[in-house]
Amino acid sequence: MLRVTKMTDYASMLLACLAQAPAKVHSASELAELARLELPTVSKVLKPLSRAGLTLEQGPTGWMLTGGGREARSTGPGLRP
């Protein structure tokens, strides 16, 4: 059985919200409203997503989806991203 933490679930929700308009820059408060989460929770979840290369911080209050961090991941021999 796969166990998913609350933070992982929240991250999935935020990525789904960002994927609805991938070229748009969303504010953290807008994402909180879309995902129906508290603003501090959204801020806490967005930081590791950014470090993983899944989101990109645009200025002090904006976030957008990246290409999924494929460029940051290494692939094994014979594998393509």
N, C-alpha and C. Protein backbone atom coordinates (compact mmCIF):
# COMPACT_ATOMS: atom_id res chain seq x y z
N MET A 1 0.84 -1.18 0.00
CA MET A 1 0.00 0.00 0.00
C MET A 1 0.88 1.25 0.00
N LEU A 2 0.51 2.21 -0.80
CA LEU A 2 1.25 3.46 -0.89
C LEU A 2 0.69 4.45 0.12
N ARG A 3 1.57 5.00 0.94
CA ARG A 3 1.15 6.00 1.92
C ARG A 3 1.55 7.38 1.42
N VAL A 4 0.60 8.28 1.44
CA VAL A 4 0.84 9.65 0.98
C VAL A 4 0.62 10.58 2.17
N THR A 5 1.62 11.40 2.46
CA THR A 5 1.48 12.35 3.55
C THR A 5 0.57 13.49 3.14
N LYS A 6 0.14 14.25 4.12
CA LYS A 6 -0.71 15.42 3.82
C LYS A 6 0.03 16.41 2.93
N MET A 7 1.32 16.62 3.22
CA MET A 7 2.08 17.59 2.43
C MET A 7 2.23 17.12 0.98
N THR A 8 2.41 15.82 0.77
CA THR A 8 2.49 15.29 -0.58
C THR A 8 1.16 15.48 -1.29
N ASP A 9 0.08 15.26 -0.58
CA ASP A 9 -1.25 15.47 -1.15
C ASP A 9 -1.45 16.94 -1.50
N TYR A 10 -1.03 17.83 -0.61
CA TYR A 10 -1.15 19.26 -0.89
C TYR A 10 -0.30 19.65 -2.10
N ALA A 11 0.90 19.08 -2.20
CA ALA A 11 1.76 19.38 -3.34
C ALA A 11 1.09 18.95 -4.65
N SER A 12 0.46 17.79 -4.64
CA SER A 12 -0.26 17.32 -5.83
C SER A 12 -1.39 18.27 -6.20
N MET A 13 -2.09 18.75 -5.18
CA MET A 13 -3.19 19.68 -5.43
C MET A 13 -2.67 20.98 -6.04
N LEU A 14 -1.56 21.50 -5.50
CA LEU A 14 -1.01 22.75 -6.02
C LEU A 14 -0.47 22.58 -7.43
N LEU A 15 0.18 21.46 -7.71
CA LEU A 15 0.67 21.21 -9.06
C LEU A 15 -0.49 21.10 -10.05
N ALA A 16 -1.59 20.51 -9.62
CA ALA A 16 -2.77 20.41 -10.48
C ALA A 16 -3.34 21.81 -10.76
N CYS A 17 -3.36 22.67 -9.75
CA CYS A 17 -3.84 24.04 -9.95
C CYS A 17 -2.93 24.79 -10.92
N LEU A 18 -1.62 24.63 -10.75
CA LEU A 18 -0.67 25.30 -11.65
C LEU A 18 -0.79 24.75 -13.07
N ALA A 19 -1.07 23.47 -13.22
CA ALA A 19 -1.15 22.85 -14.54
C ALA A 19 -2.37 23.31 -15.33
N GLN A 20 -3.37 23.84 -14.66
CA GLN A 20 -4.56 24.33 -15.36
C GLN A 20 -4.24 25.52 -16.26
N ALA A 21 -3.23 26.30 -15.87
CA ALA A 21 -2.79 27.45 -16.68
C ALA A 21 -1.27 27.53 -16.54
N PRO A 22 -0.52 26.64 -17.21
CA PRO A 22 0.92 26.53 -16.97
C PRO A 22 1.74 27.77 -17.32
N ALA A 23 1.29 28.59 -18.23
CA ALA A 23 2.06 29.78 -18.61
C ALA A 23 1.76 30.98 -17.71
N LYS A 24 0.74 30.87 -16.88
CA LYS A 24 0.32 31.97 -16.02
C LYS A 24 1.13 31.98 -14.73
N VAL A 25 1.45 33.16 -14.25
CA VAL A 25 2.09 33.32 -12.95
C VAL A 25 0.97 33.47 -11.92
N HIS A 26 0.98 32.59 -10.91
CA HIS A 26 -0.05 32.58 -9.88
C HIS A 26 0.53 33.11 -8.58
N SER A 27 -0.25 33.86 -7.85
CA SER A 27 0.19 34.28 -6.52
C SER A 27 -0.08 33.14 -5.55
N ALA A 28 0.63 33.14 -4.44
CA ALA A 28 0.42 32.10 -3.42
C ALA A 28 -1.01 32.18 -2.88
N SER A 29 -1.52 33.39 -2.72
CA SER A 29 -2.88 33.53 -2.20
C SER A 29 -3.91 33.01 -3.21
N GLU A 30 -3.64 33.21 -4.49
CA GLU A 30 -4.54 32.68 -5.53
C GLU A 30 -4.52 31.14 -5.50
N LEU A 31 -3.32 30.57 -5.36
CA LEU A 31 -3.22 29.11 -5.28
C LEU A 31 -3.91 28.58 -4.04
N ALA A 32 -3.78 29.31 -2.93
CA ALA A 32 -4.46 28.89 -1.69
C ALA A 32 -5.97 28.85 -1.89
N GLU A 33 -6.48 29.85 -2.57
CA GLU A 33 -7.92 29.90 -2.84
C GLU A 33 -8.34 28.78 -3.79
N LEU A 34 -7.57 28.57 -4.85
CA LEU A 34 -7.91 27.52 -5.82
C LEU A 34 -7.88 26.12 -5.20
N ALA A 35 -6.87 25.89 -4.36
CA ALA A 35 -6.70 24.57 -3.75
C ALA A 35 -7.46 24.43 -2.43
N ARG A 36 -8.03 25.53 -1.97
CA ARG A 36 -8.76 25.56 -0.70
C ARG A 36 -7.86 25.13 0.46
N LEU A 37 -6.67 25.75 0.49
CA LEU A 37 -5.70 25.52 1.54
C LEU A 37 -5.36 26.84 2.20
N GLU A 38 -4.80 26.77 3.39
CA GLU A 38 -4.36 27.98 4.09
C GLU A 38 -3.09 28.51 3.42
N LEU A 39 -2.92 29.82 3.41
CA LEU A 39 -1.78 30.46 2.77
C LEU A 39 -0.43 29.98 3.34
N PRO A 40 -0.28 29.86 4.67
CA PRO A 40 1.01 29.37 5.18
C PRO A 40 1.34 27.95 4.69
N THR A 41 0.33 27.12 4.54
CA THR A 41 0.54 25.76 4.04
C THR A 41 1.01 25.79 2.60
N VAL A 42 0.38 26.63 1.79
CA VAL A 42 0.76 26.77 0.38
C VAL A 42 2.20 27.24 0.28
N SER A 43 2.57 28.24 1.06
CA SER A 43 3.95 28.75 1.04
C SER A 43 4.94 27.67 1.45
N LYS A 44 4.59 26.90 2.46
CA LYS A 44 5.46 25.83 2.94
C LYS A 44 5.66 24.74 1.89
N VAL A 45 4.62 24.45 1.12
CA VAL A 45 4.69 23.38 0.11
C VAL A 45 5.39 23.87 -1.16
N LEU A 46 5.23 25.14 -1.52
CA LEU A 46 5.83 25.65 -2.75
C LEU A 46 7.35 25.68 -2.70
N LYS A 47 7.93 25.90 -1.53
CA LYS A 47 9.39 25.99 -1.43
C LYS A 47 10.09 24.70 -1.85
N PRO A 48 9.71 23.52 -1.33
CA PRO A 48 10.37 22.30 -1.80
C PRO A 48 10.06 21.97 -3.26
N LEU A 49 8.89 22.35 -3.73
CA LEU A 49 8.57 22.14 -5.15
C LEU A 49 9.51 22.96 -6.03
N SER A 50 9.84 24.16 -5.57
CA SER A 50 10.77 25.01 -6.31
C SER A 50 12.18 24.43 -6.27
N ARG A 51 12.60 23.96 -5.10
CA ARG A 51 13.94 23.34 -4.99
C ARG A 51 14.06 22.10 -5.87
N ALA A 52 12.95 21.39 -6.06
CA ALA A 52 12.95 20.18 -6.90
C ALA A 52 12.87 20.52 -8.39
N GLY A 53 12.66 21.80 -8.72
CA GLY A 53 12.60 22.21 -10.11
C GLY A 53 11.23 22.03 -10.74
N LEU A 54 10.20 21.82 -9.93
CA LEU A 54 8.85 21.64 -10.46
C LEU A 54 8.09 22.95 -10.60
N THR A 55 8.44 23.93 -9.77
CA THR A 55 7.83 25.25 -9.87
C THR A 55 8.94 26.28 -9.95
N LEU A 56 8.58 27.45 -10.42
CA LEU A 56 9.54 28.54 -10.57
C LEU A 56 8.96 29.77 -9.89
N GLU A 57 9.74 30.35 -8.98
CA GLU A 57 9.28 31.55 -8.30
C GLU A 57 9.52 32.74 -9.21
N GLN A 58 8.47 33.50 -9.47
CA GLN A 58 8.53 34.68 -10.33
C GLN A 58 8.32 35.92 -9.48
N GLY A 59 9.39 36.49 -9.02
CA GLY A 59 9.28 37.67 -8.17
C GLY A 59 8.88 37.28 -6.76
N PRO A 60 8.54 38.26 -5.95
CA PRO A 60 8.27 37.97 -4.54
C PRO A 60 6.95 37.25 -4.29
N THR A 61 6.01 37.33 -5.21
CA THR A 61 4.70 36.74 -4.92
C THR A 61 4.15 35.85 -6.02
N GLY A 62 4.94 35.52 -7.02
CA GLY A 62 4.39 34.75 -8.14
C GLY A 62 5.05 33.40 -8.32
N TRP A 63 4.26 32.41 -8.75
CA TRP A 63 4.74 31.05 -8.97
C TRP A 63 4.19 30.53 -10.29
N MET A 64 5.00 29.75 -10.99
CA MET A 64 4.51 29.11 -12.20
C MET A 64 5.12 27.71 -12.31
N LEU A 65 4.49 26.89 -13.12
CA LEU A 65 4.92 25.52 -13.34
C LEU A 65 6.11 25.52 -14.30
N THR A 66 7.09 24.65 -14.04
CA THR A 66 8.20 24.49 -14.97
C THR A 66 7.94 23.26 -15.83
N GLY A 67 8.93 22.85 -16.59
CA GLY A 67 8.80 21.68 -17.45
C GLY A 67 8.87 20.36 -16.71
N GLY A 68 8.86 20.38 -15.40
CA GLY A 68 8.87 19.15 -14.63
C GLY A 68 10.24 18.76 -14.12
N GLY A 69 11.23 19.59 -14.33
CA GLY A 69 12.55 19.33 -13.80
C GLY A 69 13.31 18.25 -14.54
N ARG A 70 12.88 17.91 -15.74
CA ARG A 70 13.57 16.86 -16.50
C ARG A 70 15.04 17.19 -16.71
N GLU A 71 15.33 18.46 -16.95
CA GLU A 71 16.71 18.85 -17.21
C GLU A 71 17.57 18.65 -15.97
N ALA A 72 16.99 18.74 -14.80
CA ALA A 72 17.75 18.63 -13.56
C ALA A 72 18.02 17.18 -13.18
N ARG A 73 17.25 16.26 -13.70
CA ARG A 73 17.41 14.85 -13.34
C ARG A 73 18.40 14.18 -14.27
N SER A 74 19.21 13.32 -13.71
CA SER A 74 20.10 12.56 -14.57
C SER A 74 19.41 11.27 -14.97
N THR A 75 19.69 10.80 -16.15
CA THR A 75 19.10 9.56 -16.62
C THR A 75 20.18 8.51 -16.75
N GLY A 76 19.80 7.29 -16.61
CA GLY A 76 20.76 6.20 -16.73
C GLY A 76 21.13 5.96 -18.18
N PRO A 77 22.09 5.07 -18.41
CA PRO A 77 22.52 4.77 -19.78
C PRO A 77 21.36 4.22 -20.60
N GLY A 78 21.19 4.78 -21.78
CA GLY A 78 20.15 4.29 -22.68
C GLY A 78 18.77 4.84 -22.40
N LEU A 79 18.63 5.64 -21.34
CA LEU A 79 17.32 6.20 -21.02
C LEU A 79 17.25 7.62 -21.52
N ARG A 80 16.09 7.99 -21.97
CA ARG A 80 15.88 9.36 -22.45
C ARG A 80 14.89 10.06 -21.54
N PRO A 81 15.08 11.36 -21.34
CA PRO A 81 14.14 12.10 -20.48
C PRO A 81 12.77 12.19 -21.11
